[in-house]
Amino acid sequence: MNGRAALVTGGSRGIGAATALRLAQDGADVAISYVSDERAAAEVVAKIGATGRRAVAVRADAGDAQAPAEAVARTVEAFGRLDVLVNNAGIGVLGPLESLGAADVDRVLDVNVRGVFLTAQAAAAQLGRGGRIITVGSCMTQRVPGPGGTLYAMSKAALTGLNKALARELGGRGITANLVHPGPVDTDMNPAGGPMAAGQVSLTALGRFGTAEEIAAMVSFLAGDEAAYITGAEFSVDGGHAA
């Protein structure tokens, strides 16, 4: 990754923050986008700086139709190039089907689908041969273990079609597109000690939560040279949630 530049959306915490730091440790300069927690974003930037790599935080709400292009533009402005996009930003609205209103549907699809598409579209205009687009999906695209996840699962399932189409669209330019499906992962949004943790653990074959660093490791592999012949693929890092 030496000399390459990456953008990690939703990079101020959880999987995004771990991924940003891992890419920096691999030698990349990294931009992260965030919505509101400026302090957390600054902490990630400081950690990246401690590795000797350059870092920048960009405030950008993936649900804002203008924000994806602005985040990409700020990345290129900071580093002079873009080689890797990690489309990680996403939100979850869970609840009974009958309780979900149109505003919920709009917000989730704006962030989880439209935002991912628009960021990939803007990035594709900047990526050269060897470029990478890596999208973070969800184990719920492959197994929805109970009620309440209809909207979220639908939004993440849309990324499968997008990923395959991106692989075809960009393959001729030597750009790959791949999708990573995390299982239950220990983050501040879904802590391993939280009230819903035991049920999630019971659904995995390994009987534990994953770590953000384990997801970041897969993203790092897909961003590197050894994954140059992998595109349009999906990778589950889910502890056997889908087994």
C-alpha atoms as a PDB file:
ATOM      1  CA  MET A   1       0.000   0.000   0.000  1.00  0.00           C
ATOM      2  CA  ASN A   2       3.021   2.309   0.075  1.00  0.00           C
ATOM      3  CA  GLY A   3       2.282   5.549  -1.748  1.00  0.00           C
ATOM      4  CA  ARG A   4      -1.409   4.794  -2.205  1.00  0.00           C
ATOM      5  CA  ALA A   5      -4.317   6.878  -0.965  1.00  0.00           C
ATOM      6  CA  ALA A   6      -7.539   5.548   0.514  1.00  0.00           C
ATOM      7  CA  LEU A   7     -10.917   6.910   1.553  1.00  0.00           C
ATOM      8  CA  VAL A   8     -12.833   5.088   4.286  1.00  0.00           C
ATOM      9  CA  THR A   9     -16.383   6.329   4.719  1.00  0.00           C
ATOM     10  CA  GLY A  10     -17.775   6.178   8.238  1.00  0.00           C
ATOM     11  CA  GLY A  11     -14.196   5.961   9.453  1.00  0.00           C
ATOM     12  CA  SER A  12     -14.447   7.623  12.852  1.00  0.00           C
ATOM     13  CA  ARG A  13     -15.375   4.501  14.831  1.00  0.00           C
ATOM     14  CA  GLY A  14     -15.911   0.761  14.785  1.00  0.00           C
ATOM     15  CA  ILE A  15     -15.072  -1.161  11.635  1.00  0.00           C
ATOM     16  CA  GLY A  16     -14.341   2.036   9.721  1.00  0.00           C
ATOM     17  CA  ALA A  17     -11.792   3.290  12.254  1.00  0.00           C
ATOM     18  CA  ALA A  18     -10.072  -0.106  12.464  1.00  0.00           C
ATOM     19  CA  THR A  19      -9.921  -0.287   8.674  1.00  0.00           C
ATOM     20  CA  ALA A  20      -8.498   3.205   8.323  1.00  0.00           C
ATOM     21  CA  LEU A  21      -5.756   2.429  10.838  1.00  0.00           C
ATOM     22  CA  ARG A  22      -4.956  -0.927   9.214  1.00  0.00           C
ATOM     23  CA  LEU A  23      -4.584   0.641   5.766  1.00  0.00           C
ATOM     24  CA  ALA A  24      -2.284   3.276   7.246  1.00  0.00           C
ATOM     25  CA  GLN A  25      -0.212   0.573   8.923  1.00  0.00           C
ATOM     26  CA  ASP A  26       0.023  -1.068   5.499  1.00  0.00           C
ATOM     27  CA  GLY A  27       1.476   2.167   4.113  1.00  0.00           C
ATOM     28  CA  ALA A  28      -1.479   4.139   2.743  1.00  0.00           C
ATOM     29  CA  ASP A  29      -2.433   7.757   3.314  1.00  0.00           C
ATOM     30  CA  VAL A  30      -6.025   7.681   4.536  1.00  0.00           C
ATOM     31  CA  ALA A  31      -8.999  10.038   4.498  1.00  0.00           C
ATOM     32  CA  ILE A  32     -11.988   9.226   6.671  1.00  0.00           C
ATOM     33  CA  SER A  33     -15.485  10.640   6.520  1.00  0.00           C
ATOM     34  CA  TYR A  34     -17.706  11.158   9.544  1.00  0.00           C
ATOM     35  CA  VAL A  35     -21.095  12.681  10.293  1.00  0.00           C
ATOM     36  CA  SER A  36     -21.009  14.373  13.697  1.00  0.00           C
ATOM     37  CA  ASP A  37     -18.344  13.073  16.094  1.00  0.00           C
ATOM     38  CA  GLU A  38     -15.476  15.406  15.238  1.00  0.00           C
ATOM     39  CA  ARG A  39     -13.513  14.374  18.324  1.00  0.00           C
ATOM     40  CA  ALA A  40     -13.582  10.684  17.433  1.00  0.00           C
ATOM     41  CA  ALA A  41     -12.544  11.505  13.870  1.00  0.00           C
ATOM     42  CA  ALA A  42      -9.639  13.593  15.162  1.00  0.00           C
ATOM     43  CA  GLU A  43      -8.505  10.678  17.326  1.00  0.00           C
ATOM     44  CA  VAL A  44      -8.411   8.371  14.313  1.00  0.00           C
ATOM     45  CA  VAL A  45      -6.472  10.967  12.336  1.00  0.00           C
ATOM     46  CA  ALA A  46      -3.961  11.233  15.192  1.00  0.00           C
ATOM     47  CA  LYS A  47      -3.503   7.447  15.306  1.00  0.00           C
ATOM     48  CA  ILE A  48      -2.901   7.358  11.570  1.00  0.00           C
ATOM     49  CA  GLY A  49      -0.413  10.202  11.882  1.00  0.00           C
ATOM     50  CA  ALA A  50       1.457   8.194  14.526  1.00  0.00           C
ATOM     51  CA  THR A  51       2.126   5.522  11.871  1.00  0.00           C
ATOM     52  CA  GLY A  52       3.904   8.092   9.743  1.00  0.00           C
ATOM     53  CA  ARG A  53       1.177   8.328   7.142  1.00  0.00           C
ATOM     54  CA  ARG A  54      -0.902  11.342   6.191  1.00  0.00           C
ATOM     55  CA  ALA A  55      -4.537  11.551   7.282  1.00  0.00           C
ATOM     56  CA  VAL A  56      -7.508  13.856   6.892  1.00  0.00           C
ATOM     57  CA  ALA A  57     -11.054  13.794   8.273  1.00  0.00           C
ATOM     58  CA  VAL A  58     -13.928  14.994   6.104  1.00  0.00           C
ATOM     59  CA  ARG A  59     -17.356  15.748   7.514  1.00  0.00           C
ATOM     60  CA  ALA A  60     -19.786  14.127   5.092  1.00  0.00           C
ATOM     61  CA  ASP A  61     -23.204  12.583   5.674  1.00  0.00           C
ATOM     62  CA  ALA A  62     -23.595   9.716   3.208  1.00  0.00           C
ATOM     63  CA  GLY A  63     -27.327  10.422   3.171  1.00  0.00           C
ATOM     64  CA  ASP A  64     -26.694  13.845   1.637  1.00  0.00           C
ATOM     65  CA  ALA A  65     -26.680  13.516  -2.146  1.00  0.00           C
ATOM     66  CA  GLN A  66     -23.814  16.025  -2.481  1.00  0.00           C
ATOM     67  CA  ALA A  67     -21.584  14.647   0.260  1.00  0.00           C
ATOM     68  CA  PRO A  68     -20.124  11.572  -1.486  1.00  0.00           C
ATOM     69  CA  ALA A  69     -18.586  13.560  -4.335  1.00  0.00           C
ATOM     70  CA  GLU A  70     -17.306  16.143  -1.866  1.00  0.00           C
ATOM     71  CA  ALA A  71     -15.617  13.466   0.255  1.00  0.00           C
ATOM     72  CA  VAL A  72     -13.876  12.030  -2.793  1.00  0.00           C
ATOM     73  CA  ALA A  73     -12.832  15.494  -3.955  1.00  0.00           C
ATOM     74  CA  ARG A  74     -11.390  16.343  -0.531  1.00  0.00           C
ATOM     75  CA  THR A  75      -9.416  13.102  -0.536  1.00  0.00           C
ATOM     76  CA  VAL A  76      -7.890  13.836  -3.932  1.00  0.00           C
ATOM     77  CA  GLU A  77      -7.189  17.415  -2.863  1.00  0.00           C
ATOM     78  CA  ALA A  78      -5.341  16.182   0.227  1.00  0.00           C
ATOM     79  CA  PHE A  79      -3.307  13.388  -1.344  1.00  0.00           C
ATOM     80  CA  GLY A  80      -3.297  14.117  -5.067  1.00  0.00           C
ATOM     81  CA  ARG A  81      -4.841  10.764  -5.914  1.00  0.00           C
ATOM     82  CA  LEU A  82      -7.280   8.035  -4.871  1.00  0.00           C
ATOM     83  CA  ASP A  83      -6.459   4.344  -5.094  1.00  0.00           C
ATOM     84  CA  VAL A  84      -8.792   2.626  -2.629  1.00  0.00           C
ATOM     85  CA  LEU A  85     -12.382   3.323  -1.618  1.00  0.00           C
ATOM     86  CA  VAL A  86     -13.823   1.518   1.387  1.00  0.00           C
ATOM     87  CA  ASN A  87     -17.570   2.119   1.349  1.00  0.00           C
ATOM     88  CA  ASN A  88     -18.266   1.514   5.029  1.00  0.00           C
ATOM     89  CA  ALA A  89     -20.772   4.177   6.115  1.00  0.00           C
ATOM     90  CA  GLY A  90     -24.164   2.763   6.970  1.00  0.00           C
ATOM     91  CA  ILE A  91     -27.031   2.921   9.410  1.00  0.00           C
ATOM     92  CA  GLY A  92     -29.538   0.435  10.767  1.00  0.00           C
ATOM     93  CA  VAL A  93     -33.191   1.009  11.583  1.00  0.00           C
ATOM     94  CA  LEU A  94     -34.669  -2.120  13.110  1.00  0.00           C
ATOM     95  CA  GLY A  95     -38.236  -2.809  14.128  1.00  0.00           C
ATOM     96  CA  PRO A  96     -41.465  -4.576  13.188  1.00  0.00           C
ATOM     97  CA  LEU A  97     -42.430  -4.188   9.557  1.00  0.00           C
ATOM     98  CA  GLU A  98     -45.624  -2.308  10.402  1.00  0.00           C
ATOM     99  CA  SER A  99     -43.725   0.235  12.521  1.00  0.00           C
ATOM    100  CA  LEU A 100     -41.426   1.445   9.744  1.00  0.00           C
ATOM    101  CA  GLY A 101     -42.492   4.678   8.113  1.00  0.00           C
ATOM    102  CA  ALA A 102     -41.578   6.204   4.774  1.00  0.00           C
ATOM    103  CA  ALA A 103     -39.046   8.478   6.472  1.00  0.00           C
ATOM    104  CA  ASP A 104     -37.252   5.418   7.871  1.00  0.00           C
ATOM    105  CA  VAL A 105     -37.160   3.816   4.434  1.00  0.00           C
ATOM    106  CA  ASP A 106     -35.854   6.982   2.802  1.00  0.00           C
ATOM    107  CA  ARG A 107     -33.116   7.522   5.391  1.00  0.00           C
ATOM    108  CA  VAL A 108     -31.815   3.952   5.327  1.00  0.00           C
ATOM    109  CA  LEU A 109     -31.818   3.710   1.544  1.00  0.00           C
ATOM    110  CA  ASP A 110     -30.273   7.178   1.198  1.00  0.00           C
ATOM    111  CA  VAL A 111     -27.293   6.158   3.348  1.00  0.00           C
ATOM    112  CA  ASN A 112     -26.933   2.434   2.723  1.00  0.00           C
ATOM    113  CA  VAL A 113     -27.698   2.343  -0.996  1.00  0.00           C
ATOM    114  CA  ARG A 114     -27.697   5.751  -2.670  1.00  0.00           C
ATOM    115  CA  GLY A 115     -24.725   6.971  -0.646  1.00  0.00           C
ATOM    116  CA  VAL A 116     -22.709   3.866  -1.488  1.00  0.00           C
ATOM    117  CA  PHE A 117     -23.573   4.186  -5.175  1.00  0.00           C
ATOM    118  CA  LEU A 118     -22.729   7.883  -5.366  1.00  0.00           C
ATOM    119  CA  THR A 119     -19.438   7.449  -3.527  1.00  0.00           C
ATOM    120  CA  ALA A 120     -18.437   4.595  -5.834  1.00  0.00           C
ATOM    121  CA  GLN A 121     -19.452   6.682  -8.833  1.00  0.00           C
ATOM    122  CA  ALA A 122     -17.335   9.631  -7.720  1.00  0.00           C
ATOM    123  CA  ALA A 123     -14.400   7.397  -6.810  1.00  0.00           C
ATOM    124  CA  ALA A 124     -14.500   5.566 -10.136  1.00  0.00           C
ATOM    125  CA  ALA A 125     -13.764   8.834 -11.902  1.00  0.00           C
ATOM    126  CA  GLN A 126     -10.516   9.119  -9.934  1.00  0.00           C
ATOM    127  CA  LEU A 127      -9.303   5.528  -9.673  1.00  0.00           C
ATOM    128  CA  GLY A 128      -6.607   4.298 -12.015  1.00  0.00           C
ATOM    129  CA  ARG A 129      -5.541   0.785 -12.971  1.00  0.00           C
ATOM    130  CA  GLY A 130      -5.157  -1.259  -9.822  1.00  0.00           C
ATOM    131  CA  GLY A 131      -7.843   0.736  -8.034  1.00  0.00           C
ATOM    132  CA  ARG A 132     -10.029  -0.923  -5.453  1.00  0.00           C
ATOM    133  CA  ILE A 133     -13.630  -0.474  -4.333  1.00  0.00           C
ATOM    134  CA  ILE A 134     -14.456  -2.472  -1.209  1.00  0.00           C
ATOM    135  CA  THR A 135     -17.947  -2.281   0.210  1.00  0.00           C
ATOM    136  CA  VAL A 136     -19.006  -3.345   3.683  1.00  0.00           C
ATOM    137  CA  GLY A 137     -22.282  -5.259   3.655  1.00  0.00           C
ATOM    138  CA  SER A 138     -23.806  -7.394   6.408  1.00  0.00           C
ATOM    139  CA  CYS A 139     -24.292 -11.002   7.455  1.00  0.00           C
ATOM    140  CA  MET A 140     -28.022 -10.243   7.285  1.00  0.00           C
ATOM    141  CA  THR A 141     -27.875 -10.372   3.490  1.00  0.00           C
ATOM    142  CA  GLN A 142     -27.268 -14.112   3.801  1.00  0.00           C
ATOM    143  CA  ARG A 143     -29.249 -15.013   6.893  1.00  0.00           C
ATOM    144  CA  VAL A 144     -31.972 -13.006   8.632  1.00  0.00           C
ATOM    145  CA  PRO A 145     -32.362 -14.909  11.889  1.00  0.00           C
ATOM    146  CA  GLY A 146     -35.515 -13.223  13.159  1.00  0.00           C
ATOM    147  CA  PRO A 147     -38.082 -10.461  12.670  1.00  0.00           C
ATOM    148  CA  GLY A 148     -37.307  -6.765  12.753  1.00  0.00           C
ATOM    149  CA  GLY A 149     -34.548  -6.594  10.161  1.00  0.00           C
ATOM    150  CA  THR A 150     -36.551  -6.185   6.960  1.00  0.00           C
ATOM    151  CA  LEU A 151     -35.461  -2.677   6.012  1.00  0.00           C
ATOM    152  CA  TYR A 152     -31.829  -3.087   7.000  1.00  0.00           C
ATOM    153  CA  ALA A 153     -31.457  -6.465   5.272  1.00  0.00           C
ATOM    154  CA  MET A 154     -33.050  -5.094   2.100  1.00  0.00           C
ATOM    155  CA  SER A 155     -30.676  -2.142   1.997  1.00  0.00           C
ATOM    156  CA  LYS A 156     -27.592  -4.299   2.474  1.00  0.00           C
ATOM    157  CA  ALA A 157     -28.766  -6.918  -0.026  1.00  0.00           C
ATOM    158  CA  ALA A 158     -28.860  -4.217  -2.688  1.00  0.00           C
ATOM    159  CA  LEU A 159     -25.086  -3.969  -2.387  1.00  0.00           C
ATOM    160  CA  THR A 160     -24.664  -7.458  -3.847  1.00  0.00           C
ATOM    161  CA  GLY A 161     -26.075  -6.351  -7.186  1.00  0.00           C
ATOM    162  CA  LEU A 162     -24.143  -3.101  -7.063  1.00  0.00           C
ATOM    163  CA  ASN A 163     -20.882  -4.913  -6.366  1.00  0.00           C
ATOM    164  CA  LYS A 164     -21.297  -7.339  -9.244  1.00  0.00           C
ATOM    165  CA  ALA A 165     -22.209  -4.529 -11.617  1.00  0.00           C
ATOM    166  CA  LEU A 166     -19.236  -2.430 -10.517  1.00  0.00           C
ATOM    167  CA  ALA A 167     -16.932  -5.373 -11.192  1.00  0.00           C
ATOM    168  CA  ARG A 168     -18.227  -5.586 -14.761  1.00  0.00           C
ATOM    169  CA  GLU A 169     -18.325  -1.833 -15.248  1.00  0.00           C
ATOM    170  CA  LEU A 170     -14.782  -1.193 -14.067  1.00  0.00           C
ATOM    171  CA  GLY A 171     -12.954  -4.444 -14.787  1.00  0.00           C
ATOM    172  CA  GLY A 172     -11.751  -3.260 -18.177  1.00  0.00           C
ATOM    173  CA  ARG A 173      -9.897  -0.455 -16.413  1.00  0.00           C
ATOM    174  CA  GLY A 174      -8.173  -2.862 -14.049  1.00  0.00           C
ATOM    175  CA  ILE A 175     -10.290  -1.784 -11.074  1.00  0.00           C
ATOM    176  CA  THR A 176     -11.729  -4.414  -8.743  1.00  0.00           C
ATOM    177  CA  ALA A 177     -14.906  -4.310  -6.655  1.00  0.00           C
ATOM    178  CA  ASN A 178     -15.565  -6.654  -3.746  1.00  0.00           C
ATOM    179  CA  LEU A 179     -18.004  -6.988  -0.866  1.00  0.00           C
ATOM    180  CA  VAL A 180     -17.287  -7.927   2.759  1.00  0.00           C
ATOM    181  CA  HIS A 181     -20.083  -9.182   5.022  1.00  0.00           C
ATOM    182  CA  PRO A 182     -19.284  -8.785   8.728  1.00  0.00           C
ATOM    183  CA  GLY A 183     -21.081 -10.895  11.271  1.00  0.00           C
ATOM    184  CA  PRO A 184     -21.731  -9.741  14.853  1.00  0.00           C
ATOM    185  CA  VAL A 185     -18.789  -7.454  15.619  1.00  0.00           C
ATOM    186  CA  ASP A 186     -17.883  -5.892  18.946  1.00  0.00           C
ATOM    187  CA  THR A 187     -18.261  -2.118  18.445  1.00  0.00           C
ATOM    188  CA  ASP A 188     -19.794   0.733  20.393  1.00  0.00           C
ATOM    189  CA  MET A 189     -22.951   0.351  18.293  1.00  0.00           C
ATOM    190  CA  ASN A 190     -23.220  -3.388  18.996  1.00  0.00           C
ATOM    191  CA  PRO A 191     -21.108  -4.241  22.064  1.00  0.00           C
ATOM    192  CA  ALA A 192     -20.239  -7.827  22.868  1.00  0.00           C
ATOM    193  CA  GLY A 193     -21.540  -7.178  26.381  1.00  0.00           C
ATOM    194  CA  GLY A 194     -24.804  -5.608  25.269  1.00  0.00           C
ATOM    195  CA  PRO A 195     -28.336  -6.871  25.961  1.00  0.00           C
ATOM    196  CA  MET A 196     -28.669  -8.446  22.501  1.00  0.00           C
ATOM    197  CA  ALA A 197     -25.208 -10.020  22.432  1.00  0.00           C
ATOM    198  CA  ALA A 198     -26.037 -13.499  23.723  1.00  0.00           C
ATOM    199  CA  GLY A 199     -28.596 -14.118  21.000  1.00  0.00           C
ATOM    200  CA  GLN A 200     -26.180 -13.020  18.302  1.00  0.00           C
ATOM    201  CA  VAL A 201     -23.370 -15.171  19.665  1.00  0.00           C
ATOM    202  CA  SER A 202     -25.662 -18.208  19.643  1.00  0.00           C
ATOM    203  CA  LEU A 203     -26.126 -17.782  15.889  1.00  0.00           C
ATOM    204  CA  THR A 204     -22.415 -18.070  15.115  1.00  0.00           C
ATOM    205  CA  ALA A 205     -20.517 -21.316  14.670  1.00  0.00           C
ATOM    206  CA  LEU A 206     -17.532 -19.972  16.625  1.00  0.00           C
ATOM    207  CA  GLY A 207     -19.624 -18.817  19.566  1.00  0.00           C
ATOM    208  CA  ARG A 208     -18.203 -15.317  19.833  1.00  0.00           C
ATOM    209  CA  PHE A 209     -18.318 -11.796  18.469  1.00  0.00           C
ATOM    210  CA  GLY A 210     -15.762 -10.768  15.890  1.00  0.00           C
ATOM    211  CA  THR A 211     -13.482  -7.781  16.240  1.00  0.00           C
ATOM    212  CA  ALA A 212     -13.300  -4.725  14.025  1.00  0.00           C
ATOM    213  CA  GLU A 213      -9.669  -5.614  13.351  1.00  0.00           C
ATOM    214  CA  GLU A 214     -10.699  -8.978  11.884  1.00  0.00           C
ATOM    215  CA  ILE A 215     -12.936  -7.222   9.374  1.00  0.00           C
ATOM    216  CA  ALA A 216     -10.176  -4.701   8.650  1.00  0.00           C
ATOM    217  CA  ALA A 217      -7.786  -7.552   7.874  1.00  0.00           C
ATOM    218  CA  MET A 218     -10.039  -8.810   5.090  1.00  0.00           C
ATOM    219  CA  VAL A 219     -10.430  -5.313   3.686  1.00  0.00           C
ATOM    220  CA  SER A 220      -6.660  -4.891   3.787  1.00  0.00           C
ATOM    221  CA  PHE A 221      -6.164  -8.093   1.820  1.00  0.00           C
ATOM    222  CA  LEU A 222      -8.670  -7.039  -0.842  1.00  0.00           C
ATOM    223  CA  ALA A 223      -6.989  -3.630  -1.103  1.00  0.00           C
ATOM    224  CA  GLY A 224      -3.564  -5.159  -1.685  1.00  0.00           C
ATOM    225  CA  ASP A 225      -1.705  -6.550  -4.673  1.00  0.00           C
ATOM    226  CA  GLU A 226      -2.400 -10.191  -3.829  1.00  0.00           C
ATOM    227  CA  ALA A 227      -6.116  -9.655  -4.497  1.00  0.00           C
ATOM    228  CA  ALA A 228      -5.613  -8.259  -7.995  1.00  0.00           C
ATOM    229  CA  TYR A 229      -7.494 -11.178  -9.612  1.00  0.00           C
ATOM    230  CA  ILE A 230     -10.476 -11.058  -7.257  1.00  0.00           C
ATOM    231  CA  THR A 231     -13.492  -9.004  -8.261  1.00  0.00           C
ATOM    232  CA  GLY A 232     -17.269  -9.166  -8.048  1.00  0.00           C
ATOM    233  CA  ALA A 233     -16.889 -11.471  -5.040  1.00  0.00           C
ATOM    234  CA  GLU A 234     -18.426 -11.603  -1.567  1.00  0.00           C
ATOM    235  CA  PHE A 235     -16.549 -12.556   1.590  1.00  0.00           C
ATOM    236  CA  SER A 236     -18.218 -13.460   4.871  1.00  0.00           C
ATOM    237  CA  VAL A 237     -16.246 -12.642   8.003  1.00  0.00           C
ATOM    238  CA  ASP A 238     -19.032 -13.731  10.300  1.00  0.00           C
ATOM    239  CA  GLY A 239     -17.853 -16.521  12.596  1.00  0.00           C
ATOM    240  CA  GLY A 240     -20.074 -18.963  10.730  1.00  0.00           C
ATOM    241  CA  HIS A 241     -23.273 -16.914  11.061  1.00  0.00           C
ATOM    242  CA  ALA A 242     -24.374 -18.058   7.608  1.00  0.00           C
ATOM    243  CA  ALA A 243     -23.217 -21.679   7.999  1.00  0.00           C
END
